[in-house]
Protein backbone atom coordinates (compact mmCIF):
# COMPACT_ATOMS: atom_id res chain seq x y z
CA UNK A 1 -180.09 -66.95 -61.62
CA UNK A 2 -179.72 -67.94 -65.24
CA UNK A 3 -179.40 -71.39 -66.33
CA UNK A 4 -177.93 -72.05 -69.67
CA UNK A 5 -179.30 -75.65 -70.86
CA UNK A 6 -178.29 -78.01 -73.57
CA UNK A 7 -181.03 -79.91 -75.44
CA UNK A 8 -178.91 -82.50 -76.90
CA UNK A 9 -180.05 -83.31 -80.56
CA UNK A 10 -183.56 -84.72 -79.98
CA UNK A 11 -186.54 -83.75 -78.02
CA UNK A 12 -185.72 -86.59 -75.35
CA UNK A 13 -182.29 -85.85 -74.81
CA UNK A 14 -182.08 -83.21 -71.79
CA UNK A 15 -180.07 -84.77 -69.20
CA UNK A 16 -181.67 -85.33 -65.62
CA UNK A 17 -179.73 -82.49 -64.20
CA UNK A 18 -181.23 -80.20 -67.02
CA UNK A 19 -184.67 -81.39 -65.78
CA UNK A 20 -184.24 -80.87 -62.37
CA UNK A 21 -182.94 -77.23 -63.01
CA UNK A 22 -186.24 -76.41 -65.22
CA UNK A 23 -188.24 -77.22 -62.13
CA UNK A 24 -186.78 -74.60 -60.19
CA UNK A 25 -187.20 -72.01 -63.03
CA UNK A 26 -190.04 -69.45 -63.25
CA UNK A 27 -189.69 -68.95 -66.87
CA UNK A 28 -188.18 -70.96 -69.94
CA UNK A 29 -186.94 -69.73 -73.07
CA UNK A 30 -185.98 -71.53 -76.29
CA UNK A 31 -183.25 -70.09 -78.37
CA UNK A 32 -184.73 -70.47 -81.84
CA UNK A 33 -182.29 -68.83 -84.37
CA UNK A 34 -179.20 -70.77 -84.73
CA UNK A 35 -180.77 -74.18 -86.24
CA UNK A 36 -183.56 -75.75 -87.82
CA UNK A 37 -184.78 -77.88 -85.20
CA UNK A 38 -185.70 -81.61 -86.23
CA UNK A 39 -188.76 -81.42 -83.83
CA UNK A 40 -191.34 -78.96 -83.21
CA UNK A 41 -191.65 -76.55 -80.02
CA UNK A 42 -194.89 -78.61 -79.04
CA UNK A 43 -193.10 -82.13 -79.05
CA UNK A 44 -190.37 -80.49 -76.77
CA UNK A 45 -193.01 -79.42 -74.37
CA UNK A 46 -194.77 -82.57 -74.38
CA UNK A 47 -191.41 -84.27 -73.68
CA UNK A 48 -190.41 -81.84 -71.02
CA UNK A 49 -193.91 -81.10 -69.37
CA UNK A 50 -193.12 -77.47 -69.51
CA UNK A 51 -194.60 -74.38 -71.35
CA UNK A 52 -191.77 -72.60 -73.25
CA UNK A 53 -191.34 -69.58 -75.03
CA UNK A 54 -189.12 -68.83 -78.51
CA UNK A 55 -186.64 -66.19 -78.35
CA UNK A 56 -185.13 -64.73 -81.52
CA UNK A 57 -181.74 -63.56 -81.68
CA UNK A 58 -182.95 -59.71 -80.85
CA UNK A 59 -184.15 -60.95 -77.63
CA UNK A 60 -181.33 -63.42 -76.57
CA UNK A 61 -178.86 -60.45 -77.35
CA UNK A 62 -180.63 -57.88 -75.64
CA UNK A 63 -180.78 -57.23 -71.88
CA UNK A 64 -184.03 -59.05 -71.37
CA UNK A 65 -182.70 -62.17 -70.09
CA UNK A 66 -180.01 -60.52 -67.61
CA UNK A 67 -182.92 -58.23 -66.06
CA UNK A 68 -185.24 -61.08 -65.60
CA UNK A 69 -182.64 -63.37 -63.98
CA UNK A 70 -181.64 -60.65 -61.63
CA UNK A 71 -185.18 -61.03 -60.01
CA UNK A 72 -185.80 -64.99 -60.80
CA UNK A 73 -184.22 -68.41 -62.13
CA UNK A 74 -184.51 -68.28 -65.73
CA UNK A 75 -183.42 -70.95 -68.23
CA UNK A 76 -182.45 -70.53 -71.90
CA UNK A 77 -182.52 -73.84 -73.66
CA UNK A 78 -180.03 -74.21 -76.62
CA UNK A 79 -180.02 -77.08 -79.17
CA UNK A 80 -176.82 -79.32 -78.93
CA UNK A 81 -174.53 -77.92 -76.47
CA UNK A 82 -175.22 -74.62 -74.84
CA UNK A 83 -171.66 -72.91 -75.60
CA UNK A 84 -171.41 -73.64 -79.17
CA UNK A 85 -172.68 -70.51 -80.29
CA UNK A 86 -170.49 -67.32 -79.37
CA UNK A 87 -173.65 -65.43 -78.56
CA UNK A 88 -174.29 -67.42 -75.50
CA UNK A 89 -170.88 -66.66 -74.15
CA UNK A 90 -171.63 -63.09 -74.32
CA UNK A 91 -174.80 -63.91 -72.32
CA UNK A 92 -172.69 -65.45 -69.46
CA UNK A 93 -170.40 -62.59 -69.57
CA UNK A 94 -172.97 -59.81 -69.39
CA UNK A 95 -174.33 -61.72 -66.30
CA UNK A 96 -170.93 -62.00 -64.48
CA UNK A 97 -170.79 -58.19 -64.88
CA UNK A 98 -174.21 -57.77 -63.06
CA UNK A 99 -173.15 -60.39 -60.61
CA UNK A 100 -175.87 -62.84 -61.48
CA UNK A 101 -175.23 -66.46 -60.96
CA UNK A 102 -175.27 -68.67 -63.74
CA UNK A 103 -175.09 -72.47 -64.47
CA UNK A 104 -174.16 -74.22 -67.55
CA UNK A 105 -175.72 -77.73 -68.38
CA UNK A 106 -174.08 -79.46 -70.88
CA UNK A 107 -175.16 -81.86 -73.66
CA UNK A 108 -174.21 -83.51 -77.01
CA UNK A 109 -173.55 -81.48 -79.79
CA UNK A 110 -173.32 -82.02 -83.69
CA UNK A 111 -169.52 -82.05 -83.15
CA UNK A 112 -170.16 -85.03 -81.00
CA UNK A 113 -172.45 -86.62 -83.40
CA UNK A 114 -170.23 -86.35 -86.65
CA UNK A 115 -168.11 -89.12 -85.37
CA UNK A 116 -171.09 -91.38 -86.63
CA UNK A 117 -169.51 -90.65 -90.08
CA UNK A 118 -166.39 -92.87 -88.69
CA UNK A 119 -164.09 -89.89 -89.20
CA UNK A 120 -161.87 -89.15 -86.10
CA UNK A 121 -162.58 -86.02 -84.41
CA UNK A 122 -158.99 -85.15 -83.76
CA UNK A 123 -158.25 -84.82 -87.30
CA UNK A 124 -161.04 -82.32 -87.91
CA UNK A 125 -159.77 -78.43 -88.44
CA UNK A 126 -161.63 -75.15 -87.65
CA UNK A 127 -165.34 -75.11 -87.86
CA UNK A 128 -166.88 -72.85 -90.49
CA UNK A 129 -170.55 -72.01 -91.51
CA UNK A 130 -172.00 -71.64 -95.06
CA UNK A 131 -174.83 -68.65 -94.97
CA UNK A 132 -177.63 -68.45 -97.09
CA UNK A 133 -176.89 -66.75 -100.38
CA UNK A 134 -178.80 -63.53 -101.43
CA UNK A 135 -179.33 -61.99 -105.17
CA UNK A 136 -176.68 -59.34 -104.26
CA UNK A 137 -174.70 -61.31 -101.33
CA UNK A 138 -172.92 -64.38 -102.25
CA UNK A 139 -170.08 -64.78 -99.45
CA UNK A 140 -167.54 -67.61 -100.09
CA UNK A 141 -164.98 -66.78 -97.38
CA UNK A 142 -165.98 -70.09 -95.53
CA UNK A 143 -163.88 -71.58 -97.97
CA UNK A 144 -160.98 -69.81 -96.62
CA UNK A 145 -161.38 -71.98 -93.51
CA UNK A 146 -161.22 -75.22 -95.60
CA UNK A 147 -158.33 -74.29 -97.44
CA UNK A 148 -156.68 -73.51 -94.34
CA UNK A 149 -157.68 -76.96 -92.87
CA UNK A 150 -156.45 -78.65 -96.27
CA UNK A 151 -153.09 -77.29 -95.74
CA UNK A 152 -152.81 -79.50 -92.60
CA UNK A 153 -154.79 -82.35 -94.05
CA UNK A 154 -157.73 -81.57 -91.54
CA UNK A 155 -161.45 -82.34 -92.31
CA UNK A 156 -163.55 -79.69 -92.65
CA UNK A 157 -167.11 -79.34 -90.85
CA UNK A 158 -169.31 -76.89 -92.54
CA UNK A 159 -172.66 -75.79 -90.96
CA UNK A 160 -175.41 -74.76 -92.95
CA UNK A 161 -177.46 -71.59 -92.11
CA UNK A 162 -180.91 -71.73 -91.02
CA UNK A 163 -183.49 -72.00 -93.84
CA UNK A 164 -180.96 -73.28 -96.28
CA UNK A 165 -182.00 -76.44 -98.24
CA UNK A 166 -179.67 -79.40 -99.37
CA UNK A 167 -179.95 -78.50 -103.24
CA UNK A 168 -179.30 -74.88 -102.40
CA UNK A 169 -176.23 -75.61 -100.08
CA UNK A 170 -174.49 -77.93 -102.73
CA UNK A 171 -175.12 -75.66 -105.53
CA UNK A 172 -173.54 -72.67 -103.25
CA UNK A 173 -170.58 -75.16 -102.48
CA UNK A 174 -170.14 -75.85 -106.21
CA UNK A 175 -169.89 -72.21 -107.22
CA UNK A 176 -168.07 -71.33 -104.21
CA UNK A 177 -165.25 -73.95 -105.17
CA UNK A 178 -164.80 -72.94 -108.39
CA UNK A 179 -164.46 -69.31 -107.51
CA UNK A 180 -161.82 -70.40 -105.07
CA UNK A 181 -160.16 -72.81 -107.27
CA UNK A 182 -160.83 -75.69 -104.83
CA UNK A 183 -161.05 -79.12 -105.99
CA UNK A 184 -164.51 -80.79 -104.72
CA UNK A 185 -164.05 -84.38 -104.33
CA UNK A 186 -166.53 -86.56 -102.74
CA UNK A 187 -168.45 -85.20 -99.61
CA UNK A 188 -170.05 -86.19 -96.73
CA UNK A 189 -174.01 -84.94 -95.92
CA UNK A 190 -175.01 -85.58 -92.11
CA UNK A 191 -178.42 -84.96 -91.54
CA UNK A 192 -180.57 -85.02 -88.23
CA UNK A 193 -177.82 -86.77 -86.39
CA UNK A 194 -178.89 -88.01 -82.68
CA UNK A 195 -182.40 -88.53 -84.24
CA UNK A 196 -184.42 -91.45 -85.68
CA UNK A 197 -184.29 -89.72 -89.01
CA UNK A 198 -180.40 -89.71 -88.99
CA UNK A 199 -178.80 -90.11 -92.56
CA UNK A 200 -175.23 -89.95 -93.64
CA UNK A 201 -174.37 -89.71 -97.52
CA UNK A 202 -171.00 -90.01 -98.99
CA UNK A 203 -170.73 -89.09 -102.68
CA UNK A 204 -169.83 -86.65 -105.24
CA UNK A 205 -172.00 -83.12 -104.88
CA UNK A 206 -174.12 -83.81 -107.96
CA UNK A 207 -175.11 -87.18 -107.09
CA UNK A 208 -176.45 -85.72 -103.60
CA UNK A 209 -178.74 -82.98 -104.85
CA UNK A 210 -181.46 -85.25 -104.93
CA UNK A 211 -181.06 -87.09 -101.70
CA UNK A 212 -184.13 -86.31 -99.11
CA UNK A 213 -182.67 -85.33 -95.80
CA UNK A 214 -184.25 -84.04 -92.81
CA UNK A 215 -183.10 -80.55 -91.02
CA UNK A 216 -180.70 -79.72 -89.63
CA UNK A 217 -177.94 -81.05 -92.03
CA UNK A 218 -174.34 -80.36 -92.00
CA UNK A 219 -171.71 -80.78 -94.99
CA UNK A 220 -168.29 -82.37 -94.37
CA UNK A 221 -165.48 -81.85 -96.68
CA UNK A 222 -162.75 -84.70 -95.77
CA UNK A 223 -159.23 -84.21 -96.23
CA UNK A 224 -157.12 -87.56 -96.64
CA UNK A 225 -158.73 -90.34 -95.34
CA UNK A 226 -157.19 -93.04 -93.15
CA UNK A 227 -158.27 -96.48 -94.24
CA UNK A 228 -160.38 -97.07 -91.50
CA UNK A 229 -162.24 -94.04 -91.92
CA UNK A 230 -162.74 -94.61 -95.47
CA UNK A 231 -164.00 -98.27 -95.05
CA UNK A 232 -166.23 -97.12 -91.99
CA UNK A 233 -167.50 -94.48 -94.32
CA UNK A 234 -168.15 -96.10 -97.27
CA UNK A 235 -170.15 -99.08 -95.42
CA UNK A 236 -172.35 -96.75 -93.47
CA UNK A 237 -173.38 -94.13 -95.92
CA UNK A 238 -176.81 -94.84 -97.38
């Protein structure tokens, strides 16, 4: 059997249901390639009282977990919500094809936590991701989603690639918006939500580059703000 278990947003967020499932597992893995964790593997192991092995994308997307789950109970721990990434849906499909039992144990994700900004969740549009640019590869297609959201006055959540720091991300955003002829007003930076290191900033991009944030962080490009959203956001931004 394969358990796909959401960790929530900090090392102590695992649900009672998740802990009970881990007690029955022969092997416990941690998906380590979709987010910069706000805590170490050691602190997670200490919190759960379990030995955990990290798995990269190549292992998760191979048949390793499916083969092991045929013979024993295996758990894959995922930061936030276990089905936020499409990779994990594919894994469940592979198990179904092999007639392997699966169980999904849910938890909070960044999409729950961004409500802490005061923005209304039902006013968000499609979620997009910003990759870390390379010298010869500077994709800005994530802003096409932002433009689509803007057309219906929806807020845009931009998830940032693993290894991308705040200054780099904001520089990429500024360049990309110029290339796409998109006006960049005040934006929101939300970092380490759900932890005691959480910070929310709301300001112009150039003023945010010097801010100190912990991983992981996301960028929100707000659409037209309701007066309550604006009041709340300005009061809680640090």
